C-alpha atoms as a PDB file:
ATOM      1  CA  MET A   1      13.787 -11.142 -45.540  1.00  0.00           C
ATOM      2  CA  LEU A   2      15.798 -14.209 -46.122  1.00  0.00           C
ATOM      3  CA  PRO A   3      15.494 -17.041 -43.498  1.00  0.00           C
ATOM      4  CA  LYS A   4      19.188 -16.858 -42.580  1.00  0.00           C
ATOM      5  CA  LEU A   5      19.159 -13.105 -42.299  1.00  0.00           C
ATOM      6  CA  GLN A   6      15.929 -13.238 -40.280  1.00  0.00           C
ATOM      7  CA  HIS A   7      17.468 -15.786 -37.919  1.00  0.00           C
ATOM      8  CA  LEU A   8      20.567 -13.610 -37.531  1.00  0.00           C
ATOM      9  CA  SER A   9      18.506 -10.595 -36.863  1.00  0.00           C
ATOM     10  CA  LYS A  10      16.640 -12.334 -34.014  1.00  0.00           C
ATOM     11  CA  THR A  11      19.787 -13.590 -32.580  1.00  0.00           C
ATOM     12  CA  LEU A  12      21.368 -10.135 -32.569  1.00  0.00           C
ATOM     13  CA  LEU A  13      18.286  -8.562 -31.001  1.00  0.00           C
ATOM     14  CA  THR A  14      18.334 -11.252 -28.199  1.00  0.00           C
ATOM     15  CA  ALA A  15      21.900 -10.694 -27.567  1.00  0.00           C
ATOM     16  CA  VAL A  16      21.534  -6.850 -27.445  1.00  0.00           C
ATOM     17  CA  ALA A  17      18.521  -7.224 -25.032  1.00  0.00           C
ATOM     18  CA  GLY A  18      20.627  -9.463 -22.826  1.00  0.00           C
ATOM     19  CA  CYS A  19      23.465  -7.019 -22.743  1.00  0.00           C
ATOM     20  CA  LEU A  20      21.273  -4.186 -21.953  1.00  0.00           C
ATOM     21  CA  ILE A  21      19.699  -5.939 -18.864  1.00  0.00           C
ATOM     22  CA  ALA A  22      23.007  -7.365 -17.722  1.00  0.00           C
ATOM     23  CA  GLY A  23      24.623  -3.915 -18.130  1.00  0.00           C
ATOM     24  CA  ALA A  24      22.070  -2.091 -15.967  1.00  0.00           C
ATOM     25  CA  ALA A  25      24.064  -2.455 -12.835  1.00  0.00           C
ATOM     26  CA  GLN A  26      27.431  -1.724 -14.566  1.00  0.00           C
ATOM     27  CA  ALA A  27      25.911   1.382 -16.018  1.00  0.00           C
ATOM     28  CA  GLN A  28      25.410   2.420 -12.456  1.00  0.00           C
ATOM     29  CA  ASP A  29      29.034   1.616 -11.563  1.00  0.00           C
ATOM     30  CA  LEU A  30      27.896  -1.304  -9.400  1.00  0.00           C
ATOM     31  CA  PRO A  31      29.146  -4.847  -9.110  1.00  0.00           C
ATOM     32  CA  PRO A  32      27.376  -7.322 -11.520  1.00  0.00           C
ATOM     33  CA  VAL A  33      23.911  -8.705 -10.635  1.00  0.00           C
ATOM     34  CA  PRO A  34      23.989 -12.448 -10.205  1.00  0.00           C
ATOM     35  CA  GLN A  35      22.808 -14.347 -13.314  1.00  0.00           C
ATOM     36  CA  ASP A  36      20.044 -16.288 -11.437  1.00  0.00           C
ATOM     37  CA  ILE A  37      18.465 -12.832 -10.437  1.00  0.00           C
ATOM     38  CA  LEU A  38      18.783 -11.556 -14.032  1.00  0.00           C
ATOM     39  CA  SER A  39      17.267 -14.730 -15.442  1.00  0.00           C
ATOM     40  CA  LYS A  40      14.147 -14.176 -13.415  1.00  0.00           C
ATOM     41  CA  GLY A  41      13.593 -10.714 -14.886  1.00  0.00           C
ATOM     42  CA  VAL A  42      12.529  -9.254 -11.455  1.00  0.00           C
ATOM     43  CA  LEU A  43      13.990  -8.908  -7.903  1.00  0.00           C
ATOM     44  CA  ARG A  44      11.702 -10.695  -5.431  1.00  0.00           C
ATOM     45  CA  VAL A  45      11.816  -8.676  -2.210  1.00  0.00           C
ATOM     46  CA  GLY A  46      10.087  -9.369   1.178  1.00  0.00           C
ATOM     47  CA  VAL A  47       8.771  -6.149   2.582  1.00  0.00           C
ATOM     48  CA  LYS A  48       6.638  -5.171   5.589  1.00  0.00           C
ATOM     49  CA  CYS A  49       3.030  -4.252   4.886  1.00  0.00           C
ATOM     50  CA  ASP A  50       1.936  -3.245   8.428  1.00  0.00           C
ATOM     51  CA  SER A  51       4.867  -1.136   9.555  1.00  0.00           C
ATOM     52  CA  PRO A  52       4.708   2.473   8.444  1.00  0.00           C
ATOM     53  CA  PRO A  53       6.713   4.466   7.445  1.00  0.00           C
ATOM     54  CA  PHE A  54       8.946   1.475   6.357  1.00  0.00           C
ATOM     55  CA  GLY A  55       6.337  -0.627   4.702  1.00  0.00           C
ATOM     56  CA  SER A  56       2.554  -0.523   4.528  1.00  0.00           C
ATOM     57  CA  LEU A  57      -0.424  -0.764   2.126  1.00  0.00           C
ATOM     58  CA  ASP A  58      -1.913   2.215   0.475  1.00  0.00           C
ATOM     59  CA  PRO A  59      -5.715   2.485  -0.176  1.00  0.00           C
ATOM     60  CA  SER A  60      -5.472   0.410  -3.259  1.00  0.00           C
ATOM     61  CA  GLY A  61      -3.624  -2.360  -1.478  1.00  0.00           C
ATOM     62  CA  LYS A  62      -0.207  -1.519  -3.077  1.00  0.00           C
ATOM     63  CA  PRO A  63       2.957  -1.671  -0.822  1.00  0.00           C
ATOM     64  CA  VAL A  64       4.475   1.802  -0.095  1.00  0.00           C
ATOM     65  CA  GLY A  65       7.037   3.024   2.322  1.00  0.00           C
ATOM     66  CA  ILE A  66      10.744   3.765   2.799  1.00  0.00           C
ATOM     67  CA  GLU A  67      12.021   0.252   2.423  1.00  0.00           C
ATOM     68  CA  VAL A  68       9.555  -0.362  -0.338  1.00  0.00           C
ATOM     69  CA  SER A  69      11.028   2.559  -2.289  1.00  0.00           C
ATOM     70  CA  MET A  70      14.564   1.284  -1.489  1.00  0.00           C
ATOM     71  CA  ALA A  71      13.561  -2.024  -3.073  1.00  0.00           C
ATOM     72  CA  ARG A  72      12.361  -0.223  -6.133  1.00  0.00           C
ATOM     73  CA  ARG A  73      15.614   1.712  -6.364  1.00  0.00           C
ATOM     74  CA  ILE A  74      17.720  -1.406  -6.080  1.00  0.00           C
ATOM     75  CA  ALA A  75      15.497  -3.101  -8.937  1.00  0.00           C
ATOM     76  CA  GLU A  76      16.255   0.089 -11.106  1.00  0.00           C
ATOM     77  CA  PHE A  77      19.978  -0.377 -10.506  1.00  0.00           C
ATOM     78  CA  ALA A  78      19.734  -4.125 -11.350  1.00  0.00           C
ATOM     79  CA  PHE A  79      17.275  -3.863 -14.346  1.00  0.00           C
ATOM     80  CA  GLY A  80      16.984  -0.231 -15.398  1.00  0.00           C
ATOM     81  CA  SER A  81      13.438  -0.037 -14.123  1.00  0.00           C
ATOM     82  CA  PRO A  82      11.966   0.480 -10.600  1.00  0.00           C
ATOM     83  CA  ASP A  83       9.014  -1.650 -11.861  1.00  0.00           C
ATOM     84  CA  LYS A  84      11.153  -4.846 -12.110  1.00  0.00           C
ATOM     85  CA  VAL A  85      10.538  -5.807  -8.531  1.00  0.00           C
ATOM     86  CA  ASP A  86       8.130  -8.450  -7.054  1.00  0.00           C
ATOM     87  CA  LEU A  87       7.126  -6.991  -3.733  1.00  0.00           C
ATOM     88  CA  GLN A  88       5.873  -9.699  -1.239  1.00  0.00           C
ATOM     89  CA  CYS A  89       4.363  -8.855   2.167  1.00  0.00           C
ATOM     90  CA  VAL A  90       6.127 -10.737   5.028  1.00  0.00           C
ATOM     91  CA  THR A  91       5.497 -10.752   8.641  1.00  0.00           C
ATOM     92  CA  SER A  92       8.421 -10.568  11.227  1.00  0.00           C
ATOM     93  CA  GLU A  93       7.998 -14.313  11.915  1.00  0.00           C
ATOM     94  CA  ALA A  94       7.791 -15.287   8.208  1.00  0.00           C
ATOM     95  CA  ARG A  95      10.708 -13.171   6.827  1.00  0.00           C
ATOM     96  CA  ILE A  96      13.604 -15.711   7.220  1.00  0.00           C
ATOM     97  CA  PRO A  97      11.541 -18.743   6.359  1.00  0.00           C
ATOM     98  CA  SER A  98      10.317 -17.094   3.212  1.00  0.00           C
ATOM     99  CA  LEU A  99      13.988 -16.250   2.227  1.00  0.00           C
ATOM    100  CA  ASN A 100      15.473 -19.687   2.930  1.00  0.00           C
ATOM    101  CA  GLY A 101      12.404 -21.282   1.348  1.00  0.00           C
ATOM    102  CA  GLN A 102      13.211 -19.542  -2.025  1.00  0.00           C
ATOM    103  CA  LYS A 103      10.130 -17.563  -2.036  1.00  0.00           C
ATOM    104  CA  ILE A 104      11.981 -14.274  -2.135  1.00  0.00           C
ATOM    105  CA  ASP A 105      15.499 -13.207  -3.077  1.00  0.00           C
ATOM    106  CA  ILE A 106      16.105 -10.691  -0.353  1.00  0.00           C
ATOM    107  CA  ILE A 107      14.498  -9.311   2.905  1.00  0.00           C
ATOM    108  CA  LEU A 108      14.085  -5.574   3.194  1.00  0.00           C
ATOM    109  CA  ALA A 109      11.599  -5.487   6.067  1.00  0.00           C
ATOM    110  CA  THR A 110      12.850  -3.795   9.286  1.00  0.00           C
ATOM    111  CA  LEU A 111      15.262  -6.669   9.677  1.00  0.00           C
ATOM    112  CA  GLY A 112      17.639  -6.247  12.631  1.00  0.00           C
ATOM    113  CA  LYS A 113      21.180  -7.563  12.172  1.00  0.00           C
ATOM    114  CA  PHE A 114      22.488  -9.569  15.073  1.00  0.00           C
ATOM    115  CA  PRO A 115      24.495 -12.735  15.918  1.00  0.00           C
ATOM    116  CA  GLU A 116      21.654 -15.225  16.222  1.00  0.00           C
ATOM    117  CA  ARG A 117      20.243 -14.407  12.844  1.00  0.00           C
ATOM    118  CA  GLN A 118      23.644 -14.334  11.278  1.00  0.00           C
ATOM    119  CA  LYS A 119      23.816 -18.077  12.029  1.00  0.00           C
ATOM    120  CA  VAL A 120      21.052 -18.751   9.448  1.00  0.00           C
ATOM    121  CA  ILE A 121      21.270 -15.995   6.914  1.00  0.00           C
ATOM    122  CA  ASP A 122      23.805 -13.428   5.597  1.00  0.00           C
ATOM    123  CA  PHE A 123      23.376  -9.575   5.874  1.00  0.00           C
ATOM    124  CA  THR A 124      24.508  -6.634   3.946  1.00  0.00           C
ATOM    125  CA  GLU A 125      26.065  -3.695   5.743  1.00  0.00           C
ATOM    126  CA  TYR A 126      23.462  -1.877   7.843  1.00  0.00           C
ATOM    127  CA  TYR A 127      21.512   0.985   6.204  1.00  0.00           C
ATOM    128  CA  MET A 128      20.020   2.414   9.368  1.00  0.00           C
ATOM    129  CA  TRP A 129      20.366   2.329  13.070  1.00  0.00           C
ATOM    130  CA  GLY A 130      18.084   3.046  15.870  1.00  0.00           C
ATOM    131  CA  THR A 131      16.566   2.146  19.172  1.00  0.00           C
ATOM    132  CA  SER A 132      13.186   0.458  19.787  1.00  0.00           C
ATOM    133  CA  ASN A 133      10.569   2.167  21.913  1.00  0.00           C
ATOM    134  CA  VAL A 134       7.439   1.200  23.895  1.00  0.00           C
ATOM    135  CA  MET A 135       4.007   2.812  23.393  1.00  0.00           C
ATOM    136  CA  VAL A 136       1.552   2.860  26.257  1.00  0.00           C
ATOM    137  CA  PRO A 137      -1.859   4.430  26.956  1.00  0.00           C
ATOM    138  CA  LYS A 138      -1.635   8.152  27.599  1.00  0.00           C
ATOM    139  CA  GLY A 139      -2.961   7.624  31.138  1.00  0.00           C
ATOM    140  CA  SER A 140      -0.284   5.000  31.954  1.00  0.00           C
ATOM    141  CA  PRO A 141       1.946   6.018  34.945  1.00  0.00           C
ATOM    142  CA  ALA A 142       4.993   4.618  33.258  1.00  0.00           C
ATOM    143  CA  THR A 143       7.467   7.189  32.090  1.00  0.00           C
ATOM    144  CA  LYS A 144      10.597   5.099  32.156  1.00  0.00           C
ATOM    145  CA  LEU A 145      11.384   1.505  30.996  1.00  0.00           C
ATOM    146  CA  ALA A 146      12.025   0.343  34.461  1.00  0.00           C
ATOM    147  CA  GLU A 147       8.444   1.173  35.448  1.00  0.00           C
ATOM    148  CA  LEU A 148       7.386  -1.508  33.082  1.00  0.00           C
ATOM    149  CA  LYS A 149       8.224  -4.113  35.578  1.00  0.00           C
ATOM    150  CA  ASP A 150       5.614  -6.874  35.886  1.00  0.00           C
ATOM    151  CA  LYS A 151       3.659  -5.257  32.933  1.00  0.00           C
ATOM    152  CA  ASN A 152       2.334  -7.079  29.958  1.00  0.00           C
ATOM    153  CA  ILE A 153       3.907  -5.828  26.690  1.00  0.00           C
ATOM    154  CA  CYS A 154       2.872  -6.789  23.216  1.00  0.00           C
ATOM    155  CA  ILE A 155       5.595  -7.730  20.652  1.00  0.00           C
ATOM    156  CA  VAL A 156       5.225  -8.972  17.093  1.00  0.00           C
ATOM    157  CA  LYS A 157       6.334 -12.594  16.668  1.00  0.00           C
ATOM    158  CA  GLY A 158       9.981 -12.667  15.578  1.00  0.00           C
ATOM    159  CA  GLY A 159      10.592  -9.191  17.104  1.00  0.00           C
ATOM    160  CA  SER A 160      14.211  -8.911  18.429  1.00  0.00           C
ATOM    161  CA  GLN A 161      13.293  -6.788  21.417  1.00  0.00           C
ATOM    162  CA  ALA A 162      12.138  -9.798  23.476  1.00  0.00           C
ATOM    163  CA  LYS A 163      15.686 -10.759  24.501  1.00  0.00           C
ATOM    164  CA  TRP A 164      16.502  -7.260  25.773  1.00  0.00           C
ATOM    165  CA  LEU A 165      13.202  -6.866  27.677  1.00  0.00           C
ATOM    166  CA  ASN A 166      13.526 -10.220  29.333  1.00  0.00           C
ATOM    167  CA  GLU A 167      17.134  -9.469  30.454  1.00  0.00           C
ATOM    168  CA  ASN A 168      16.635  -5.895  31.639  1.00  0.00           C
ATOM    169  CA  ILE A 169      13.120  -5.605  33.061  1.00  0.00           C
ATOM    170  CA  PRO A 170      12.258  -7.976  35.865  1.00  0.00           C
ATOM    171  CA  GLY A 171       8.953  -9.705  35.776  1.00  0.00           C
ATOM    172  CA  ILE A 172       7.977  -8.350  32.347  1.00  0.00           C
ATOM    173  CA  LYS A 173       5.348 -10.383  30.416  1.00  0.00           C
ATOM    174  CA  LEU A 174       5.410 -10.515  26.623  1.00  0.00           C
ATOM    175  CA  THR A 175       2.339 -11.229  24.508  1.00  0.00           C
ATOM    176  CA  GLN A 176       3.408 -12.182  21.045  1.00  0.00           C
ATOM    177  CA  LEU A 177       0.840 -11.546  18.181  1.00  0.00           C
ATOM    178  CA  ASN A 178       1.156 -11.815  14.333  1.00  0.00           C
ATOM    179  CA  THR A 179       1.246  -8.234  13.276  1.00  0.00           C
ATOM    180  CA  THR A 180       1.720  -4.646  14.450  1.00  0.00           C
ATOM    181  CA  SER A 181      -2.059  -4.030  13.929  1.00  0.00           C
ATOM    182  CA  ASP A 182      -2.859  -6.913  16.270  1.00  0.00           C
ATOM    183  CA  CYS A 183      -0.697  -5.441  18.954  1.00  0.00           C
ATOM    184  CA  ILE A 184      -2.148  -1.968  18.565  1.00  0.00           C
ATOM    185  CA  GLN A 185      -5.641  -3.357  18.829  1.00  0.00           C
ATOM    186  CA  ALA A 186      -4.714  -5.294  21.908  1.00  0.00           C
ATOM    187  CA  LEU A 187      -3.294  -2.196  23.504  1.00  0.00           C
ATOM    188  CA  ARG A 188      -6.282   0.008  22.705  1.00  0.00           C
ATOM    189  CA  GLN A 189      -8.584  -2.685  24.048  1.00  0.00           C
ATOM    190  CA  GLY A 190      -6.649  -2.784  27.327  1.00  0.00           C
ATOM    191  CA  ARG A 191      -5.535  -6.478  26.904  1.00  0.00           C
ATOM    192  CA  VAL A 192      -1.920  -5.470  27.112  1.00  0.00           C
ATOM    193  CA  ASP A 193      -0.111  -2.644  28.884  1.00  0.00           C
ATOM    194  CA  GLY A 194       2.107  -1.466  26.068  1.00  0.00           C
ATOM    195  CA  PHE A 195       3.532  -2.380  22.528  1.00  0.00           C
ATOM    196  CA  VAL A 196       7.254  -2.521  21.689  1.00  0.00           C
ATOM    197  CA  GLY A 197       8.587  -1.989  18.184  1.00  0.00           C
ATOM    198  CA  ASP A 198      11.256  -0.246  16.097  1.00  0.00           C
ATOM    199  CA  GLY A 199      11.438   3.354  17.218  1.00  0.00           C
ATOM    200  CA  GLY A 200      10.531   4.863  13.751  1.00  0.00           C
ATOM    201  CA  LEU A 201       7.481   2.666  13.624  1.00  0.00           C
ATOM    202  CA  VAL A 202       6.389   3.379  17.143  1.00  0.00           C
ATOM    203  CA  TRP A 203       6.857   7.118  16.878  1.00  0.00           C
ATOM    204  CA  SER A 204       5.009   7.158  13.429  1.00  0.00           C
ATOM    205  CA  LEU A 205       2.087   5.231  14.847  1.00  0.00           C
ATOM    206  CA  SER A 206       1.826   7.469  17.883  1.00  0.00           C
ATOM    207  CA  SER A 207       0.787  10.411  15.784  1.00  0.00           C
ATOM    208  CA  ASN A 208      -2.306   8.431  14.636  1.00  0.00           C
ATOM    209  CA  TYR A 209      -3.424   7.388  17.984  1.00  0.00           C
ATOM    210  CA  PRO A 210      -3.883  10.382  20.370  1.00  0.00           C
ATOM    211  CA  GLU A 211      -4.887   8.049  23.175  1.00  0.00           C
ATOM    212  CA  LEU A 212      -1.379   6.500  23.104  1.00  0.00           C
ATOM    213  CA  ARG A 213       2.063   7.975  23.925  1.00  0.00           C
ATOM    214  CA  VAL A 214       5.654   6.822  23.584  1.00  0.00           C
ATOM    215  CA  ILE A 215       8.074   6.248  26.386  1.00  0.00           C
ATOM    216  CA  GLU A 216      10.989   8.342  25.110  1.00  0.00           C
ATOM    217  CA  GLU A 217      13.756   6.147  26.710  1.00  0.00           C
ATOM    218  CA  GLY A 218      15.002   3.887  23.983  1.00  0.00           C
ATOM    219  CA  LEU A 219      15.921   0.216  24.225  1.00  0.00           C
ATOM    220  CA  ASP A 220      17.980  -2.453  22.366  1.00  0.00           C
ATOM    221  CA  LEU A 221      20.142  -0.303  19.968  1.00  0.00           C
ATOM    222  CA  GLY A 222      19.797  -2.157  16.670  1.00  0.00           C
ATOM    223  CA  PHE A 223      20.943  -2.017  13.039  1.00  0.00           C
ATOM    224  CA  ASN A 224      18.770  -2.851  10.110  1.00  0.00           C
ATOM    225  CA  ALA A 225      20.205  -4.451   7.061  1.00  0.00           C
ATOM    226  CA  ILE A 226      19.169  -6.426   3.969  1.00  0.00           C
ATOM    227  CA  GLY A 227      18.922 -10.194   4.522  1.00  0.00           C
ATOM    228  CA  LEU A 228      20.001 -12.722   1.879  1.00  0.00           C
ATOM    229  CA  ARG A 229      20.686 -16.485   1.871  1.00  0.00           C
ATOM    230  CA  LYS A 230      23.921 -17.895   3.080  1.00  0.00           C
ATOM    231  CA  GLY A 231      26.860 -17.803   0.689  1.00  0.00           C
ATOM    232  CA  GLU A 232      25.457 -15.420  -1.955  1.00  0.00           C
ATOM    233  CA  LYS A 233      28.528 -13.230  -2.095  1.00  0.00           C
ATOM    234  CA  GLU A 234      27.957 -11.793  -5.597  1.00  0.00           C
ATOM    235  CA  LEU A 235      24.455 -10.648  -4.508  1.00  0.00           C
ATOM    236  CA  GLN A 236      25.870  -9.291  -1.263  1.00  0.00           C
ATOM    237  CA  ALA A 237      28.532  -7.231  -3.103  1.00  0.00           C
ATOM    238  CA  PHE A 238      25.859  -5.744  -5.416  1.00  0.00           C
ATOM    239  CA  LEU A 239      23.526  -4.930  -2.524  1.00  0.00           C
ATOM    240  CA  ASP A 240      26.278  -3.229  -0.420  1.00  0.00           C
ATOM    241  CA  ALA A 241      27.295  -1.164  -3.334  1.00  0.00           C
ATOM    242  CA  ALA A 242      23.701  -0.180  -4.075  1.00  0.00           C
ATOM    243  CA  LEU A 243      23.171   0.870  -0.408  1.00  0.00           C
ATOM    244  CA  ILE A 244      26.343   3.129  -0.600  1.00  0.00           C
ATOM    245  CA  LYS A 245      25.160   4.620  -3.890  1.00  0.00           C
ATOM    246  CA  MET A 246      21.764   5.518  -2.426  1.00  0.00           C
ATOM    247  CA  LYS A 247      23.333   7.140   0.571  1.00  0.00           C
ATOM    248  CA  LYS A 248      25.853   9.191  -1.565  1.00  0.00           C
ATOM    249  CA  GLU A 249      23.098  10.328  -4.086  1.00  0.00           C
ATOM    250  CA  GLY A 250      20.868  11.693  -1.280  1.00  0.00           C
ATOM    251  CA  TYR A 251      18.118   9.147  -1.877  1.00  0.00           C
ATOM    252  CA  TYR A 252      17.048   8.926   1.759  1.00  0.00           C
ATOM    253  CA  GLU A 253      16.733  12.684   2.112  1.00  0.00           C
ATOM    254  CA  LYS A 254      14.391  12.565  -0.998  1.00  0.00           C
ATOM    255  CA  ILE A 255      12.288   9.534  -0.072  1.00  0.00           C
ATOM    256  CA  ILE A 256      11.798   9.602   3.693  1.00  0.00           C
ATOM    257  CA  PRO A 257       9.764  12.923   3.727  1.00  0.00           C
ATOM    258  CA  GLU A 258       7.247  11.235   1.395  1.00  0.00           C
ATOM    259  CA  PHE A 259       6.252   8.881   4.162  1.00  0.00           C
ATOM    260  CA  VAL A 260       6.967  10.901   7.371  1.00  0.00           C
ATOM    261  CA  ASN A 261       5.080  14.059   8.105  1.00  0.00           C
ATOM    262  CA  ASN A 262       5.598  14.614  11.842  1.00  0.00           C
ATOM    263  CA  PRO A 263       8.771  16.964  12.212  1.00  0.00           C
ATOM    264  CA  VAL A 264      10.072  15.000  15.287  1.00  0.00           C
ATOM    265  CA  VAL A 265       9.621  11.621  13.531  1.00  0.00           C
ATOM    266  CA  LEU A 266      11.189  13.019  10.385  1.00  0.00           C
ATOM    267  CA  ARG A 267      14.189  14.366  12.212  1.00  0.00           C
ATOM    268  CA  GLU A 268      14.841  11.058  14.096  1.00  0.00           C
ATOM    269  CA  THR A 269      14.297   8.938  11.036  1.00  0.00           C
ATOM    270  CA  LEU A 270      16.696  10.963   8.810  1.00  0.00           C
ATOM    271  CA  LYS A 271      19.317  10.746  11.654  1.00  0.00           C
ATOM    272  CA  SER A 272      18.969   6.989  11.724  1.00  0.00           C
ATOM    273  CA  PHE A 273      19.780   6.744   8.014  1.00  0.00           C
ATOM    274  CA  GLN A 274      22.353   9.602   7.732  1.00  0.00           C
ATOM    275  CA  THR A 275      24.495   9.529  10.938  1.00  0.00           C
ATOM    276  CA  GLN A 276      26.923   7.242  12.675  1.00  0.00           C
ATOM    277  CA  PRO A 277      25.442   5.235  15.493  1.00  0.00           C
ATOM    278  CA  PRO A 278      26.425   5.836  19.169  1.00  0.00           C
ATOM    279  CA  ALA A 279      27.838   2.324  19.331  1.00  0.00           C
ATOM    280  CA  PRO A 280      29.174  -0.247  16.643  1.00  0.00           C
ATOM    281  CA  PRO A 281      26.922  -2.840  15.339  1.00  0.00           C
ATOM    282  CA  ARG A 282      27.000  -6.254  17.110  1.00  0.00           C
ATOM    283  CA  THR A 283      28.807  -8.884  15.239  1.00  0.00           C
END
């Protein structure tokens, strides 16, 4: 091939490839993906790796879960492939610093949307709502939240339930540990009287630990959303549209049963993704 034709051919191929990537979102009838995301070739997503069914590690150490699958679907919208995602495990405490420190592009990790956090990051519209719950030993006399007065409850560092518990249960003590696993271990060893976490997580964990049970009364109605850095309006528009599309296409009905086996937990989890909340989100 002549040098000029060879150069032209390469140029055309590069242009076509760029158009295919940039057109992935448009082909899905979504707003455009920001150029800085496209230039990386992957979407970097902070996910939970210790919070089933939303995010955990499978036996091979690979992140799996409802929110992990959502991240893959969003990457598919953006790049045309669910594999174009860089999944990074984040703890509750490290989620926002990892985002604002440019280590990840978005947070999809059981992140509650409420005013204090909205001062430092932006959020998409919420994709699920639900209450939190407290898990206690099966032999605990506590059957209502009020009966946790003066008890020591474990909460993962950065958990949003602390404010509600301190304001509503007199004398409650909170032990903050790094991960859900740390809290469950502390509870099983008798070092704390209970563990508080997102309802879906707590109910899912309860099926794995017959010596523990859940106080059914919920607390701190919350709304989970995707977190992104302040001012990234183009990315926010794309993500909001992606969430709407997933709901309309029945994605949650398809993916949630893959990670939730217990019928009661499945019913409550699907309700949190599919139905309107009993109260509007806090703004």
